[in-house]
C-alpha atoms as a PDB file:
ATOM      1  CA  UNK A   1      22.193 -34.695  13.487  1.00  0.00           C
ATOM      2  CA  UNK A   2      23.702 -32.822  16.394  1.00  0.00           C
ATOM      3  CA  UNK A   3      22.181 -30.049  18.531  1.00  0.00           C
ATOM      4  CA  UNK A   4      23.727 -27.280  16.417  1.00  0.00           C
ATOM      5  CA  UNK A   5      22.134 -28.658  13.273  1.00  0.00           C
ATOM      6  CA  UNK A   6      18.704 -28.818  14.899  1.00  0.00           C
ATOM      7  CA  UNK A   7      19.043 -25.264  16.266  1.00  0.00           C
ATOM      8  CA  UNK A   8      20.108 -24.050  12.825  1.00  0.00           C
ATOM      9  CA  UNK A   9      17.015 -25.608  11.211  1.00  0.00           C
ATOM     10  CA  UNK A  10      14.761 -24.105  13.898  1.00  0.00           C
ATOM     11  CA  UNK A  11      16.357 -20.692  13.340  1.00  0.00           C
ATOM     12  CA  UNK A  12      15.823 -20.938   9.576  1.00  0.00           C
ATOM     13  CA  UNK A  13      12.150 -21.896  10.081  1.00  0.00           C
ATOM     14  CA  UNK A  14      11.603 -18.976  12.484  1.00  0.00           C
ATOM     15  CA  UNK A  15      13.240 -16.535  10.050  1.00  0.00           C
ATOM     16  CA  UNK A  16      11.084 -17.846   7.208  1.00  0.00           C
ATOM     17  CA  UNK A  17       7.892 -17.406   9.271  1.00  0.00           C
ATOM     18  CA  UNK A  18       8.899 -13.859  10.268  1.00  0.00           C
ATOM     19  CA  UNK A  19       9.668 -12.987   6.645  1.00  0.00           C
ATOM     20  CA  UNK A  20       6.322 -14.408   5.512  1.00  0.00           C
ATOM     21  CA  UNK A  21       4.489 -12.296   8.096  1.00  0.00           C
ATOM     22  CA  UNK A  22       6.340  -8.982   7.895  1.00  0.00           C
ATOM     23  CA  UNK A  23       7.531  -8.729   4.289  1.00  0.00           C
ATOM     24  CA  UNK A  24       4.053  -8.065   2.806  1.00  0.00           C
ATOM     25  CA  UNK A  25       3.355  -5.450   5.507  1.00  0.00           C
ATOM     26  CA  UNK A  26       6.655  -3.720   4.780  1.00  0.00           C
ATOM     27  CA  UNK A  27       5.963  -3.699   1.029  1.00  0.00           C
ATOM     28  CA  UNK A  28       2.504  -2.168   1.561  1.00  0.00           C
ATOM     29  CA  UNK A  29       3.939   0.522   3.840  1.00  0.00           C
ATOM     30  CA  UNK A  30       6.579   1.226   1.194  1.00  0.00           C
ATOM     31  CA  UNK A  31       3.809   1.737  -1.406  1.00  0.00           C
ATOM     32  CA  UNK A  32       1.821   4.205   0.741  1.00  0.00           C
ATOM     33  CA  UNK A  33       3.983   7.253  -0.161  1.00  0.00           C
ATOM     34  CA  UNK A  34       3.631   6.383  -3.870  1.00  0.00           C
ATOM     35  CA  UNK A  35      -0.158   6.396  -3.555  1.00  0.00           C
ATOM     36  CA  UNK A  36      -0.156   9.696  -1.634  1.00  0.00           C
ATOM     37  CA  UNK A  37       2.124  11.255  -4.261  1.00  0.00           C
ATOM     38  CA  UNK A  38      -0.238  10.047  -6.986  1.00  0.00           C
ATOM     39  CA  UNK A  39      -3.134  11.852  -5.275  1.00  0.00           C
ATOM     40  CA  UNK A  40      -1.061  15.022  -4.910  1.00  0.00           C
ATOM     41  CA  UNK A  41       0.236  14.903  -8.482  1.00  0.00           C
ATOM     42  CA  UNK A  42      -3.325  14.660  -9.826  1.00  0.00           C
ATOM     43  CA  UNK A  43      -4.556  17.258  -7.264  1.00  0.00           C
ATOM     44  CA  UNK A  44      -7.180  14.859  -5.869  1.00  0.00           C
ATOM     45  CA  UNK A  45      -7.240  16.645  -2.525  1.00  0.00           C
ATOM     46  CA  UNK A  46     -10.666  17.311  -1.044  1.00  0.00           C
ATOM     47  CA  UNK A  47     -14.100  16.130  -2.080  1.00  0.00           C
ATOM     48  CA  UNK A  48     -14.419  18.712  -4.871  1.00  0.00           C
ATOM     49  CA  UNK A  49     -11.317  17.365  -6.655  1.00  0.00           C
ATOM     50  CA  UNK A  50     -12.117  13.644  -6.288  1.00  0.00           C
ATOM     51  CA  UNK A  51     -11.003  11.385  -9.154  1.00  0.00           C
ATOM     52  CA  UNK A  52     -11.514   7.837 -10.344  1.00  0.00           C
ATOM     53  CA  UNK A  53      -8.919   5.099  -9.987  1.00  0.00           C
ATOM     54  CA  UNK A  54      -8.135   5.390 -13.699  1.00  0.00           C
ATOM     55  CA  UNK A  55      -7.563   9.146 -13.466  1.00  0.00           C
ATOM     56  CA  UNK A  56      -5.234   8.600 -10.508  1.00  0.00           C
ATOM     57  CA  UNK A  57      -3.342   5.931 -12.468  1.00  0.00           C
ATOM     58  CA  UNK A  58      -3.928   3.415  -9.672  1.00  0.00           C
ATOM     59  CA  UNK A  59      -5.958   0.929 -11.692  1.00  0.00           C
ATOM     60  CA  UNK A  60      -4.982  -2.692 -10.970  1.00  0.00           C
ATOM     61  CA  UNK A  61      -2.948  -4.421 -13.648  1.00  0.00           C
ATOM     62  CA  UNK A  62      -4.557  -7.098 -15.781  1.00  0.00           C
ATOM     63  CA  UNK A  63      -3.757 -10.748 -15.161  1.00  0.00           C
ATOM     64  CA  UNK A  64      -1.539 -10.831 -18.226  1.00  0.00           C
ATOM     65  CA  UNK A  65       0.431  -7.762 -17.061  1.00  0.00           C
ATOM     66  CA  UNK A  66       0.812  -9.226 -13.569  1.00  0.00           C
ATOM     67  CA  UNK A  67       2.291 -12.443 -14.959  1.00  0.00           C
ATOM     68  CA  UNK A  68       5.284 -10.598 -16.376  1.00  0.00           C
ATOM     69  CA  UNK A  69       5.929  -7.894 -13.794  1.00  0.00           C
ATOM     70  CA  UNK A  70       6.712  -7.537 -10.127  1.00  0.00           C
ATOM     71  CA  UNK A  71       3.852  -7.437  -7.676  1.00  0.00           C
ATOM     72  CA  UNK A  72       2.289  -4.004  -7.260  1.00  0.00           C
ATOM     73  CA  UNK A  73       1.305  -3.170  -3.693  1.00  0.00           C
ATOM     74  CA  UNK A  74      -0.329   0.180  -4.501  1.00  0.00           C
ATOM     75  CA  UNK A  75      -3.843  -1.345  -4.389  1.00  0.00           C
ATOM     76  CA  UNK A  76      -3.239  -2.716  -0.898  1.00  0.00           C
ATOM     77  CA  UNK A  77      -1.738   0.639   0.135  1.00  0.00           C
ATOM     78  CA  UNK A  78      -4.853   2.408  -1.174  1.00  0.00           C
ATOM     79  CA  UNK A  79      -7.084   0.051   0.830  1.00  0.00           C
ATOM     80  CA  UNK A  80      -4.935   0.716   3.907  1.00  0.00           C
ATOM     81  CA  UNK A  81      -5.304   4.500   3.440  1.00  0.00           C
ATOM     82  CA  UNK A  82      -9.076   4.082   3.113  1.00  0.00           C
ATOM     83  CA  UNK A  83      -9.177   2.048   6.342  1.00  0.00           C
ATOM     84  CA  UNK A  84      -7.243   4.695   8.275  1.00  0.00           C
ATOM     85  CA  UNK A  85      -9.485   7.395   6.720  1.00  0.00           C
ATOM     86  CA  UNK A  86      -6.724   9.310   4.945  1.00  0.00           C
ATOM     87  CA  UNK A  87      -8.418   8.565   1.624  1.00  0.00           C
ATOM     88  CA  UNK A  88     -12.189   8.674   1.221  1.00  0.00           C
ATOM     89  CA  UNK A  89     -14.632   7.696  -1.515  1.00  0.00           C
ATOM     90  CA  UNK A  90     -17.503   9.844  -2.809  1.00  0.00           C
ATOM     91  CA  UNK A  91     -20.977   8.557  -3.651  1.00  0.00           C
ATOM     92  CA  UNK A  92     -19.910   8.425  -7.322  1.00  0.00           C
ATOM     93  CA  UNK A  93     -17.020   6.100  -6.479  1.00  0.00           C
ATOM     94  CA  UNK A  94     -14.315   8.746  -6.829  1.00  0.00           C
ATOM     95  CA  UNK A  95     -11.356   8.912  -4.468  1.00  0.00           C
ATOM     96  CA  UNK A  96      -9.837  11.902  -2.716  1.00  0.00           C
ATOM     97  CA  UNK A  97      -7.148  12.615  -0.157  1.00  0.00           C
ATOM     98  CA  UNK A  98      -8.182  14.109   3.181  1.00  0.00           C
ATOM     99  CA  UNK A  99      -5.442  16.625   3.856  1.00  0.00           C
ATOM    100  CA  UNK A 100      -6.391  17.190   7.510  1.00  0.00           C
ATOM    101  CA  UNK A 101      -6.166  13.451   8.290  1.00  0.00           C
ATOM    102  CA  UNK A 102      -2.896  13.178   6.381  1.00  0.00           C
ATOM    103  CA  UNK A 103      -1.365  15.943   8.498  1.00  0.00           C
ATOM    104  CA  UNK A 104      -2.068  13.862  11.630  1.00  0.00           C
ATOM    105  CA  UNK A 105      -0.359  10.778  10.189  1.00  0.00           C
ATOM    106  CA  UNK A 106       3.296   9.793   9.889  1.00  0.00           C
ATOM    107  CA  UNK A 107       3.173  10.617   6.159  1.00  0.00           C
ATOM    108  CA  UNK A 108       2.508  14.341   6.713  1.00  0.00           C
ATOM    109  CA  UNK A 109       5.870  15.276   5.183  1.00  0.00           C
ATOM    110  CA  UNK A 110       4.879  13.889   1.755  1.00  0.00           C
END
């Protein structure tokens, strides 16, 4: 194998590692607007309008449903929004969107 062949293999390995690291992040960030729109569509804005996961239509799919469909990143996007405090959870386990925090984020236009 010559030098070009070795460099080509190294390049392919590096691209694979980068894809493995950044593709899931990109897919989660792509799901964030869908989750925000779900909160807005159901009017789950503010603590008084908090709703359950089922009411927001964000319930995780069953194992059987996941076997025959594409991966759904909305659950990871919801967890991300909770971590950055755009979404909060009440004592009853209901979720709501914090409008004031959303306006300070890059998704304020949604």
